[in-house]
Amino acid sequence: MSDFRKVSERHVAGGNVISFAVGTFESPDGHRFERELVRHPGAVIVVPVDADDSVLMVRQFRAAVEQDLLELPAGKRDVPGEATQVTAARELEEEVGRKAGRIDLLGRFYNSPGFSDELSWCYLARDLVEVDNDLQGIEEQFMTVERVALADVNRLIVEGAIIDGKSIIGLELALRHLGH
C-alpha cells in the first residue's frame, strides 16, 4: 500500500475504449498535486505455442505508430464480467483461428503505470486445434498470421523485428515457463 492518497478525480473525455481523467492526489507530507490519467478496461495477451515449438503471431497495422507490428494475439477486456481466461481463448480463436486445449496464466502486468491503469493478463496457449477465425475491425481484416520459431524469438527482439512491449513480455514469460 502507499502513503499517497487520492483526493478526487475529474472525468475529462471518453472514447470507445479509454477515458481520460485528471486526478488530485496528496503526498505523505500533505502536498497536493494533479496527474493526467488514462482509464482502460484491461487486456489479455496470448502466447500460442504449437507442437513444433513455434509461436503464432500476428502482423497488423497500428494507427498510433503508423506501421505494421509483429505481435502476439491480444485484445481488450471489452465484455463486462468476462473472465480473463475466457477473453484470452476468444481472442485466440478470433485472431489466429486456434482453440487451445490448455491455457495457463503466465503473469499480469501494468503496461504504462505512469499514466494508465491498463492491466494485462498474459496466457500460454498449447495443444492448439485449428478453428474458424472471426476477425474484428478493419485492421484485423488485413492482418496476417506468422509462425515464429521459439528459438528465434530472442534474436528477433534484439534485432528490432519484435518491438511491441506486451509481446516481448509475453514471449519472455513463455520462454522462461517452457525452459527455453
N, C-alpha and C. Protein backbone atom coordinates (compact mmCIF):
# COMPACT_ATOMS: atom_id res chain seq x y z
N MET A 1 0.84 -1.18 0.00
CA MET A 1 0.00 0.00 0.00
C MET A 1 0.88 1.23 0.00
N SER A 2 0.28 2.36 -0.24
CA SER A 2 1.02 3.60 -0.35
C SER A 2 0.53 4.61 0.67
N ASP A 3 1.41 5.52 1.03
CA ASP A 3 1.03 6.62 1.90
C ASP A 3 0.47 7.79 1.12
N PHE A 4 0.46 7.69 -0.22
CA PHE A 4 -0.18 8.70 -1.04
C PHE A 4 -1.68 8.46 -1.01
N ARG A 5 -2.47 9.52 -1.21
CA ARG A 5 -3.92 9.40 -1.13
C ARG A 5 -4.57 10.15 -2.29
N LYS A 6 -5.55 9.49 -2.93
CA LYS A 6 -6.30 10.19 -3.97
C LYS A 6 -7.36 11.05 -3.29
N VAL A 7 -7.40 12.32 -3.68
CA VAL A 7 -8.36 13.27 -3.13
C VAL A 7 -9.61 13.32 -4.01
N SER A 8 -9.39 13.38 -5.33
CA SER A 8 -10.52 13.44 -6.25
C SER A 8 -10.08 13.04 -7.64
N GLU A 9 -11.06 12.81 -8.50
CA GLU A 9 -10.79 12.51 -9.89
C GLU A 9 -11.89 13.14 -10.73
N ARG A 10 -11.47 13.85 -11.79
CA ARG A 10 -12.41 14.54 -12.67
C ARG A 10 -12.32 13.94 -14.06
N HIS A 11 -13.46 13.45 -14.56
CA HIS A 11 -13.55 12.90 -15.92
C HIS A 11 -13.38 14.04 -16.92
N VAL A 12 -12.51 13.84 -17.93
CA VAL A 12 -12.27 14.87 -18.93
C VAL A 12 -12.90 14.50 -20.27
N ALA A 13 -12.67 13.28 -20.73
CA ALA A 13 -13.20 12.84 -22.02
C ALA A 13 -13.21 11.32 -22.06
N GLY A 14 -13.99 10.78 -22.99
CA GLY A 14 -14.04 9.33 -23.13
C GLY A 14 -14.23 8.93 -24.57
N GLY A 15 -13.76 7.74 -24.87
CA GLY A 15 -13.92 7.18 -26.20
C GLY A 15 -14.56 5.81 -26.11
N ASN A 16 -14.41 5.02 -27.17
CA ASN A 16 -14.97 3.67 -27.18
C ASN A 16 -14.27 2.73 -26.22
N VAL A 17 -12.97 2.94 -26.01
CA VAL A 17 -12.19 2.02 -25.19
C VAL A 17 -11.66 2.68 -23.93
N ILE A 18 -11.11 3.86 -24.07
CA ILE A 18 -10.45 4.51 -22.94
C ILE A 18 -11.16 5.80 -22.55
N SER A 19 -10.86 6.26 -21.35
CA SER A 19 -11.33 7.57 -20.92
C SER A 19 -10.16 8.30 -20.28
N PHE A 20 -10.30 9.62 -20.23
CA PHE A 20 -9.24 10.47 -19.70
C PHE A 20 -9.77 11.19 -18.47
N ALA A 21 -8.92 11.31 -17.47
CA ALA A 21 -9.30 11.98 -16.23
C ALA A 21 -8.11 12.76 -15.70
N VAL A 22 -8.39 13.65 -14.78
CA VAL A 22 -7.35 14.34 -14.02
C VAL A 22 -7.59 14.00 -12.56
N GLY A 23 -6.59 13.42 -11.93
CA GLY A 23 -6.69 13.05 -10.53
C GLY A 23 -5.91 14.01 -9.65
N THR A 24 -6.47 14.32 -8.50
CA THR A 24 -5.78 15.12 -7.49
C THR A 24 -5.36 14.18 -6.38
N PHE A 25 -4.09 14.25 -6.00
CA PHE A 25 -3.52 13.35 -5.01
C PHE A 25 -2.84 14.15 -3.91
N GLU A 26 -2.62 13.48 -2.79
CA GLU A 26 -1.91 14.11 -1.68
C GLU A 26 -0.74 13.22 -1.28
N SER A 27 0.44 13.81 -1.18
CA SER A 27 1.65 13.08 -0.80
C SER A 27 1.66 12.85 0.71
N PRO A 28 2.55 12.00 1.22
CA PRO A 28 2.62 11.74 2.65
C PRO A 28 2.86 13.00 3.49
N ASP A 29 3.49 14.03 2.90
CA ASP A 29 3.74 15.27 3.65
C ASP A 29 2.64 16.31 3.44
N GLY A 30 1.54 15.91 2.77
CA GLY A 30 0.40 16.80 2.61
C GLY A 30 0.39 17.64 1.34
N HIS A 31 1.40 17.50 0.49
CA HIS A 31 1.45 18.26 -0.77
C HIS A 31 0.43 17.72 -1.75
N ARG A 32 -0.39 18.60 -2.31
CA ARG A 32 -1.38 18.19 -3.31
C ARG A 32 -0.83 18.41 -4.72
N PHE A 33 -1.16 17.45 -5.61
CA PHE A 33 -0.69 17.53 -6.98
C PHE A 33 -1.70 16.83 -7.89
N GLU A 34 -1.64 17.17 -9.19
CA GLU A 34 -2.54 16.57 -10.17
C GLU A 34 -1.76 15.72 -11.16
N ARG A 35 -2.43 14.68 -11.67
CA ARG A 35 -1.86 13.82 -12.70
C ARG A 35 -2.95 13.51 -13.73
N GLU A 36 -2.55 13.50 -15.00
CA GLU A 36 -3.45 13.07 -16.06
C GLU A 36 -3.49 11.55 -16.06
N LEU A 37 -4.68 10.99 -16.20
CA LEU A 37 -4.87 9.55 -16.10
C LEU A 37 -5.63 9.01 -17.30
N VAL A 38 -5.21 7.86 -17.79
CA VAL A 38 -5.93 7.15 -18.83
C VAL A 38 -6.55 5.92 -18.17
N ARG A 39 -7.86 5.79 -18.30
CA ARG A 39 -8.58 4.64 -17.74
C ARG A 39 -8.86 3.65 -18.87
N HIS A 40 -8.53 2.38 -18.62
CA HIS A 40 -8.61 1.34 -19.65
C HIS A 40 -9.20 0.08 -19.01
N PRO A 41 -10.03 -0.68 -19.73
CA PRO A 41 -10.67 -1.85 -19.12
C PRO A 41 -9.73 -3.04 -18.89
N GLY A 42 -8.51 -2.96 -19.40
CA GLY A 42 -7.57 -4.08 -19.27
C GLY A 42 -7.51 -4.88 -20.55
N ALA A 43 -6.55 -5.79 -20.62
CA ALA A 43 -6.32 -6.54 -21.84
C ALA A 43 -5.80 -7.94 -21.51
N VAL A 44 -5.82 -8.78 -22.54
CA VAL A 44 -5.22 -10.11 -22.45
C VAL A 44 -4.22 -10.25 -23.59
N ILE A 45 -3.20 -11.04 -23.35
CA ILE A 45 -2.20 -11.39 -24.35
C ILE A 45 -2.12 -12.90 -24.36
N VAL A 46 -2.01 -13.50 -25.55
CA VAL A 46 -1.93 -14.95 -25.65
C VAL A 46 -0.65 -15.33 -26.38
N VAL A 47 0.09 -16.29 -25.80
CA VAL A 47 1.29 -16.83 -26.44
C VAL A 47 0.91 -18.23 -26.93
N PRO A 48 0.47 -18.33 -28.19
CA PRO A 48 0.05 -19.64 -28.72
C PRO A 48 1.26 -20.43 -29.23
N VAL A 49 1.64 -21.46 -28.50
CA VAL A 49 2.80 -22.27 -28.86
C VAL A 49 2.30 -23.58 -29.47
N ASP A 50 2.74 -23.84 -30.69
CA ASP A 50 2.31 -25.03 -31.42
C ASP A 50 3.25 -26.21 -31.10
N ALA A 51 2.86 -27.40 -31.54
CA ALA A 51 3.61 -28.62 -31.26
C ALA A 51 5.02 -28.59 -31.83
N ASP A 52 5.25 -27.79 -32.87
CA ASP A 52 6.58 -27.72 -33.49
C ASP A 52 7.49 -26.68 -32.82
N ASP A 53 7.15 -26.25 -31.61
CA ASP A 53 7.93 -25.25 -30.87
C ASP A 53 8.00 -23.91 -31.60
N SER A 54 6.88 -23.55 -32.20
CA SER A 54 6.79 -22.22 -32.79
C SER A 54 5.63 -21.49 -32.13
N VAL A 55 5.68 -20.17 -32.22
CA VAL A 55 4.62 -19.33 -31.67
C VAL A 55 3.90 -18.66 -32.84
N LEU A 56 2.58 -18.61 -32.75
CA LEU A 56 1.78 -17.96 -33.77
C LEU A 56 1.61 -16.49 -33.39
N MET A 57 2.06 -15.61 -34.29
CA MET A 57 1.98 -14.17 -34.04
C MET A 57 1.19 -13.53 -35.17
N VAL A 58 0.77 -12.30 -34.94
CA VAL A 58 0.03 -11.57 -35.97
C VAL A 58 0.81 -10.31 -36.34
N ARG A 59 0.72 -9.96 -37.61
CA ARG A 59 1.30 -8.71 -38.08
C ARG A 59 0.12 -7.83 -38.48
N GLN A 60 -0.02 -6.70 -37.75
CA GLN A 60 -1.16 -5.84 -38.03
C GLN A 60 -0.79 -4.37 -37.93
N PHE A 61 -1.57 -3.55 -38.61
CA PHE A 61 -1.36 -2.10 -38.62
C PHE A 61 -1.76 -1.52 -37.28
N ARG A 62 -0.92 -0.63 -36.76
CA ARG A 62 -1.21 0.09 -35.53
C ARG A 62 -1.21 1.58 -35.84
N ALA A 63 -2.39 2.19 -35.77
CA ALA A 63 -2.57 3.58 -36.18
C ALA A 63 -1.71 4.55 -35.37
N ALA A 64 -1.54 4.32 -34.07
CA ALA A 64 -0.80 5.27 -33.23
C ALA A 64 0.66 5.41 -33.68
N VAL A 65 1.24 4.33 -34.23
CA VAL A 65 2.64 4.39 -34.67
C VAL A 65 2.75 4.31 -36.19
N GLU A 66 1.60 4.22 -36.86
CA GLU A 66 1.52 4.24 -38.32
C GLU A 66 2.40 3.20 -39.00
N GLN A 67 2.38 1.99 -38.44
CA GLN A 67 3.13 0.90 -39.05
C GLN A 67 2.54 -0.45 -38.67
N ASP A 68 2.93 -1.47 -39.42
CA ASP A 68 2.55 -2.84 -39.10
C ASP A 68 3.53 -3.37 -38.07
N LEU A 69 3.02 -4.01 -37.02
CA LEU A 69 3.87 -4.59 -35.98
C LEU A 69 3.62 -6.09 -35.88
N LEU A 70 4.68 -6.83 -35.58
CA LEU A 70 4.59 -8.25 -35.29
C LEU A 70 4.29 -8.40 -33.81
N GLU A 71 3.15 -8.98 -33.49
CA GLU A 71 2.66 -9.03 -32.11
C GLU A 71 2.07 -10.39 -31.78
N LEU A 72 1.94 -10.62 -30.50
CA LEU A 72 1.15 -11.75 -30.02
C LEU A 72 -0.33 -11.40 -30.17
N PRO A 73 -1.19 -12.39 -30.34
CA PRO A 73 -2.63 -12.11 -30.33
C PRO A 73 -3.00 -11.50 -28.98
N ALA A 74 -3.85 -10.50 -29.02
CA ALA A 74 -4.22 -9.79 -27.79
C ALA A 74 -5.54 -9.07 -28.02
N GLY A 75 -6.12 -8.64 -26.93
CA GLY A 75 -7.35 -7.87 -27.05
C GLY A 75 -7.75 -7.26 -25.73
N LYS A 76 -8.58 -6.25 -25.84
CA LYS A 76 -9.05 -5.57 -24.64
C LYS A 76 -10.16 -6.37 -23.97
N ARG A 77 -10.33 -6.14 -22.70
CA ARG A 77 -11.39 -6.78 -21.93
C ARG A 77 -12.67 -5.98 -22.12
N ASP A 78 -13.32 -6.22 -23.25
CA ASP A 78 -14.47 -5.41 -23.63
C ASP A 78 -15.82 -6.09 -23.39
N VAL A 79 -15.81 -7.24 -22.75
CA VAL A 79 -17.06 -7.92 -22.38
C VAL A 79 -17.16 -7.87 -20.86
N PRO A 80 -18.05 -7.03 -20.33
CA PRO A 80 -18.17 -6.87 -18.88
C PRO A 80 -18.37 -8.21 -18.17
N GLY A 81 -17.58 -8.44 -17.12
CA GLY A 81 -17.71 -9.63 -16.31
C GLY A 81 -17.07 -10.88 -16.88
N GLU A 82 -16.53 -10.81 -18.09
CA GLU A 82 -15.92 -11.99 -18.70
C GLU A 82 -14.58 -12.29 -18.03
N ALA A 83 -14.36 -13.53 -17.65
CA ALA A 83 -13.10 -13.95 -17.04
C ALA A 83 -11.96 -13.76 -18.03
N THR A 84 -10.79 -13.38 -17.54
CA THR A 84 -9.66 -13.11 -18.42
C THR A 84 -9.27 -14.33 -19.25
N GLN A 85 -9.37 -15.52 -18.68
CA GLN A 85 -9.05 -16.74 -19.43
C GLN A 85 -10.02 -16.94 -20.59
N VAL A 86 -11.27 -16.61 -20.41
CA VAL A 86 -12.27 -16.71 -21.47
C VAL A 86 -11.98 -15.68 -22.55
N THR A 87 -11.62 -14.45 -22.14
CA THR A 87 -11.26 -13.41 -23.11
C THR A 87 -10.06 -13.86 -23.94
N ALA A 88 -9.06 -14.44 -23.27
CA ALA A 88 -7.86 -14.91 -23.98
C ALA A 88 -8.21 -15.99 -24.99
N ALA A 89 -9.04 -16.94 -24.60
CA ALA A 89 -9.43 -18.02 -25.51
C ALA A 89 -10.21 -17.45 -26.70
N ARG A 90 -11.07 -16.48 -26.45
CA ARG A 90 -11.85 -15.86 -27.53
C ARG A 90 -10.94 -15.10 -28.49
N GLU A 91 -10.00 -14.34 -27.97
CA GLU A 91 -9.08 -13.59 -28.82
C GLU A 91 -8.22 -14.53 -29.67
N LEU A 92 -7.80 -15.64 -29.10
CA LEU A 92 -7.01 -16.63 -29.83
C LEU A 92 -7.80 -17.17 -31.03
N GLU A 93 -9.05 -17.50 -30.79
CA GLU A 93 -9.89 -18.00 -31.88
C GLU A 93 -10.15 -16.92 -32.92
N GLU A 94 -10.50 -15.72 -32.47
CA GLU A 94 -10.81 -14.63 -33.40
C GLU A 94 -9.62 -14.28 -34.29
N GLU A 95 -8.45 -14.12 -33.68
CA GLU A 95 -7.31 -13.58 -34.41
C GLU A 95 -6.50 -14.61 -35.19
N VAL A 96 -6.28 -15.79 -34.62
CA VAL A 96 -5.42 -16.76 -35.32
C VAL A 96 -6.13 -18.06 -35.67
N GLY A 97 -7.41 -18.17 -35.34
CA GLY A 97 -8.15 -19.36 -35.72
C GLY A 97 -7.65 -20.62 -35.04
N ARG A 98 -7.37 -20.51 -33.74
CA ARG A 98 -6.94 -21.67 -32.97
C ARG A 98 -7.71 -21.73 -31.65
N LYS A 99 -7.99 -22.96 -31.24
CA LYS A 99 -8.57 -23.22 -29.92
C LYS A 99 -7.50 -23.95 -29.12
N ALA A 100 -7.36 -23.56 -27.87
CA ALA A 100 -6.32 -24.14 -27.02
C ALA A 100 -6.88 -25.27 -26.17
N GLY A 101 -6.17 -26.40 -26.15
CA GLY A 101 -6.52 -27.48 -25.23
C GLY A 101 -6.10 -27.14 -23.81
N ARG A 102 -5.02 -26.35 -23.70
CA ARG A 102 -4.53 -25.87 -22.40
C ARG A 102 -4.27 -24.38 -22.51
N ILE A 103 -4.68 -23.65 -21.50
CA ILE A 103 -4.39 -22.22 -21.44
C ILE A 103 -4.05 -21.87 -20.00
N ASP A 104 -2.83 -21.43 -19.79
CA ASP A 104 -2.31 -21.20 -18.43
C ASP A 104 -1.85 -19.76 -18.27
N LEU A 105 -2.17 -19.18 -17.12
CA LEU A 105 -1.75 -17.82 -16.81
C LEU A 105 -0.24 -17.78 -16.58
N LEU A 106 0.44 -16.92 -17.32
CA LEU A 106 1.89 -16.73 -17.14
C LEU A 106 2.18 -15.57 -16.18
N GLY A 107 1.32 -14.58 -16.18
CA GLY A 107 1.53 -13.42 -15.32
C GLY A 107 0.64 -12.27 -15.74
N ARG A 108 0.74 -11.18 -15.00
CA ARG A 108 0.00 -9.98 -15.34
C ARG A 108 0.89 -8.78 -15.07
N PHE A 109 0.60 -7.68 -15.76
CA PHE A 109 1.46 -6.51 -15.62
C PHE A 109 0.71 -5.26 -16.08
N TYR A 110 1.14 -4.13 -15.52
CA TYR A 110 0.66 -2.83 -15.98
C TYR A 110 1.51 -2.42 -17.16
N ASN A 111 0.88 -1.96 -18.24
CA ASN A 111 1.61 -1.59 -19.45
C ASN A 111 2.37 -0.29 -19.29
N SER A 112 1.72 0.73 -18.79
CA SER A 112 2.33 2.06 -18.64
C SER A 112 1.77 2.74 -17.40
N PRO A 113 2.13 2.28 -16.20
CA PRO A 113 1.50 2.78 -14.98
C PRO A 113 1.81 4.24 -14.65
N GLY A 114 2.69 4.86 -15.41
CA GLY A 114 2.95 6.27 -15.20
C GLY A 114 1.76 7.15 -15.58
N PHE A 115 0.86 6.62 -16.43
CA PHE A 115 -0.30 7.42 -16.82
C PHE A 115 -1.56 6.60 -17.05
N SER A 116 -1.47 5.26 -17.08
CA SER A 116 -2.63 4.44 -17.41
C SER A 116 -2.81 3.30 -16.42
N ASP A 117 -4.07 2.94 -16.18
CA ASP A 117 -4.37 1.81 -15.28
C ASP A 117 -4.57 0.50 -16.04
N GLU A 118 -4.18 0.46 -17.33
CA GLU A 118 -4.36 -0.77 -18.12
C GLU A 118 -3.56 -1.92 -17.51
N LEU A 119 -4.26 -2.96 -17.11
CA LEU A 119 -3.65 -4.16 -16.55
C LEU A 119 -3.84 -5.28 -17.56
N SER A 120 -2.76 -5.98 -17.89
CA SER A 120 -2.80 -7.05 -18.88
C SER A 120 -2.52 -8.40 -18.24
N TRP A 121 -3.28 -9.39 -18.66
CA TRP A 121 -3.10 -10.77 -18.24
C TRP A 121 -2.50 -11.52 -19.42
N CYS A 122 -1.44 -12.28 -19.17
CA CYS A 122 -0.74 -12.99 -20.24
C CYS A 122 -0.91 -14.50 -20.05
N TYR A 123 -1.37 -15.18 -21.11
CA TYR A 123 -1.63 -16.60 -21.07
C TYR A 123 -0.78 -17.37 -22.08
N LEU A 124 -0.40 -18.57 -21.71
CA LEU A 124 0.27 -19.51 -22.60
C LEU A 124 -0.80 -20.48 -23.11
N ALA A 125 -0.92 -20.59 -24.43
CA ALA A 125 -1.90 -21.50 -25.03
C ALA A 125 -1.17 -22.62 -25.73
N ARG A 126 -1.55 -23.86 -25.40
CA ARG A 126 -0.93 -25.04 -26.02
C ARG A 126 -1.99 -26.03 -26.46
N ASP A 127 -1.55 -27.11 -27.11
CA ASP A 127 -2.46 -28.11 -27.65
C ASP A 127 -3.49 -27.44 -28.56
N LEU A 128 -2.96 -26.74 -29.57
CA LEU A 128 -3.78 -25.92 -30.44
C LEU A 128 -4.49 -26.74 -31.52
N VAL A 129 -5.74 -26.40 -31.76
CA VAL A 129 -6.55 -27.02 -32.79
C VAL A 129 -7.08 -25.90 -33.69
N GLU A 130 -7.01 -26.12 -35.00
CA GLU A 130 -7.47 -25.10 -35.94
C GLU A 130 -9.00 -25.00 -35.92
N VAL A 131 -9.48 -23.74 -35.88
CA VAL A 131 -10.91 -23.43 -35.94
C VAL A 131 -11.08 -22.22 -36.87
N ASP A 132 -12.31 -21.89 -37.18
CA ASP A 132 -12.55 -20.68 -37.98
C ASP A 132 -12.21 -19.45 -37.15
N ASN A 133 -11.55 -18.47 -37.81
CA ASN A 133 -11.31 -17.23 -37.09
C ASN A 133 -12.49 -16.29 -37.32
N ASP A 134 -12.51 -15.19 -36.57
CA ASP A 134 -13.59 -14.22 -36.63
C ASP A 134 -12.97 -12.84 -36.48
N LEU A 135 -12.33 -12.37 -37.53
CA LEU A 135 -11.59 -11.12 -37.49
C LEU A 135 -12.52 -9.95 -37.19
N GLN A 136 -12.09 -9.10 -36.25
CA GLN A 136 -12.87 -7.96 -35.80
C GLN A 136 -12.16 -6.67 -36.22
N GLY A 137 -12.84 -5.75 -36.82
CA GLY A 137 -12.27 -4.44 -37.13
C GLY A 137 -11.47 -4.43 -38.42
N ILE A 138 -11.26 -3.25 -38.94
CA ILE A 138 -10.60 -3.08 -40.22
C ILE A 138 -9.14 -3.54 -40.20
N GLU A 139 -8.42 -3.26 -39.11
CA GLU A 139 -7.02 -3.68 -39.05
C GLU A 139 -6.89 -5.19 -39.09
N GLU A 140 -7.75 -5.88 -38.36
CA GLU A 140 -7.68 -7.35 -38.33
C GLU A 140 -8.04 -7.95 -39.69
N GLN A 141 -8.86 -7.28 -40.47
CA GLN A 141 -9.22 -7.79 -41.80
C GLN A 141 -7.98 -7.92 -42.69
N PHE A 142 -6.97 -7.11 -42.41
CA PHE A 142 -5.76 -7.09 -43.23
C PHE A 142 -4.54 -7.68 -42.53
N MET A 143 -4.69 -8.17 -41.31
CA MET A 143 -3.53 -8.72 -40.60
C MET A 143 -3.21 -10.11 -41.11
N THR A 144 -1.96 -10.51 -40.90
CA THR A 144 -1.52 -11.85 -41.29
C THR A 144 -1.05 -12.59 -40.06
N VAL A 145 -1.13 -13.91 -40.10
CA VAL A 145 -0.63 -14.76 -39.02
C VAL A 145 0.73 -15.28 -39.47
N GLU A 146 1.71 -15.17 -38.58
CA GLU A 146 3.07 -15.63 -38.88
C GLU A 146 3.53 -16.60 -37.81
N ARG A 147 4.23 -17.62 -38.25
CA ARG A 147 4.79 -18.63 -37.35
C ARG A 147 6.25 -18.26 -37.08
N VAL A 148 6.61 -18.15 -35.81
CA VAL A 148 7.98 -17.80 -35.41
C VAL A 148 8.52 -18.91 -34.51
N ALA A 149 9.67 -19.44 -34.86
CA ALA A 149 10.29 -20.47 -34.03
C ALA A 149 10.67 -19.88 -32.67
N LEU A 150 10.37 -20.59 -31.60
CA LEU A 150 10.75 -20.11 -30.27
C LEU A 150 12.25 -19.85 -30.19
N ALA A 151 13.02 -20.65 -30.89
CA ALA A 151 14.48 -20.48 -30.88
C ALA A 151 14.91 -19.15 -31.49
N ASP A 152 14.06 -18.53 -32.30
CA ASP A 152 14.40 -17.26 -32.97
C ASP A 152 13.90 -16.03 -32.21
N VAL A 153 13.10 -16.21 -31.19
CA VAL A 153 12.44 -15.08 -30.52
C VAL A 153 13.43 -14.06 -29.99
N ASN A 154 14.42 -14.49 -29.20
CA ASN A 154 15.35 -13.52 -28.61
C ASN A 154 16.12 -12.75 -29.68
N ARG A 155 16.52 -13.42 -30.74
CA ARG A 155 17.23 -12.73 -31.83
C ARG A 155 16.33 -11.69 -32.47
N LEU A 156 15.07 -12.03 -32.71
CA LEU A 156 14.13 -11.09 -33.33
C LEU A 156 13.88 -9.88 -32.45
N ILE A 157 13.87 -10.08 -31.15
CA ILE A 157 13.72 -8.95 -30.22
C ILE A 157 14.95 -8.06 -30.29
N VAL A 158 16.13 -8.65 -30.21
CA VAL A 158 17.38 -7.88 -30.25
C VAL A 158 17.53 -7.13 -31.57
N GLU A 159 17.14 -7.76 -32.66
CA GLU A 159 17.25 -7.14 -33.99
C GLU A 159 16.18 -6.07 -34.23
N GLY A 160 15.19 -5.98 -33.37
CA GLY A 160 14.14 -4.99 -33.54
C GLY A 160 13.00 -5.43 -34.44
N ALA A 161 12.93 -6.71 -34.77
CA ALA A 161 11.81 -7.21 -35.58
C ALA A 161 10.55 -7.34 -34.73
N ILE A 162 10.72 -7.54 -33.42
CA ILE A 162 9.61 -7.56 -32.46
C ILE A 162 9.87 -6.40 -31.51
N ILE A 163 9.03 -5.35 -31.60
CA ILE A 163 9.25 -4.16 -30.76
C ILE A 163 8.03 -3.80 -29.92
N ASP A 164 7.00 -4.61 -29.98
CA ASP A 164 5.79 -4.40 -29.20
C ASP A 164 6.03 -4.88 -27.77
N GLY A 165 5.86 -3.99 -26.80
CA GLY A 165 6.19 -4.30 -25.41
C GLY A 165 5.45 -5.49 -24.83
N LYS A 166 4.13 -5.55 -25.04
CA LYS A 166 3.36 -6.66 -24.47
C LYS A 166 3.80 -7.98 -25.06
N SER A 167 4.19 -7.96 -26.33
CA SER A 167 4.65 -9.19 -26.99
C SER A 167 6.00 -9.62 -26.44
N ILE A 168 6.88 -8.68 -26.23
CA ILE A 168 8.20 -9.01 -25.66
C ILE A 168 8.03 -9.61 -24.27
N ILE A 169 7.20 -8.99 -23.46
CA ILE A 169 6.97 -9.51 -22.10
C ILE A 169 6.36 -10.91 -22.18
N GLY A 170 5.32 -11.08 -22.99
CA GLY A 170 4.66 -12.38 -23.11
C GLY A 170 5.58 -13.46 -23.61
N LEU A 171 6.38 -13.14 -24.63
CA LEU A 171 7.31 -14.13 -25.17
C LEU A 171 8.37 -14.52 -24.14
N GLU A 172 8.92 -13.53 -23.44
CA GLU A 172 9.93 -13.84 -22.42
C GLU A 172 9.35 -14.67 -21.27
N LEU A 173 8.12 -14.36 -20.86
CA LEU A 173 7.47 -15.17 -19.82
C LEU A 173 7.28 -16.60 -20.30
N ALA A 174 6.86 -16.77 -21.54
CA ALA A 174 6.63 -18.10 -22.09
C ALA A 174 7.95 -18.87 -22.22
N LEU A 175 8.99 -18.21 -22.71
CA LEU A 175 10.29 -18.89 -22.84
C LEU A 175 10.77 -19.37 -21.48
N ARG A 176 10.65 -18.54 -20.48
CA ARG A 176 11.07 -18.92 -19.12
C ARG A 176 10.23 -20.09 -18.61
N HIS A 177 8.90 -20.00 -18.81
CA HIS A 177 8.00 -21.06 -18.34
C HIS A 177 8.29 -22.40 -19.02
N LEU A 178 8.62 -22.33 -20.30
CA LEU A 178 8.88 -23.56 -21.07
C LEU A 178 10.32 -24.04 -20.94
N GLY A 179 11.15 -23.32 -20.23
CA GLY A 179 12.53 -23.73 -20.01
C GLY A 179 13.46 -23.49 -21.18
N HIS A 180 13.15 -22.49 -22.01
CA HIS A 180 14.00 -22.18 -23.17
C HIS A 180 14.98 -21.08 -22.83
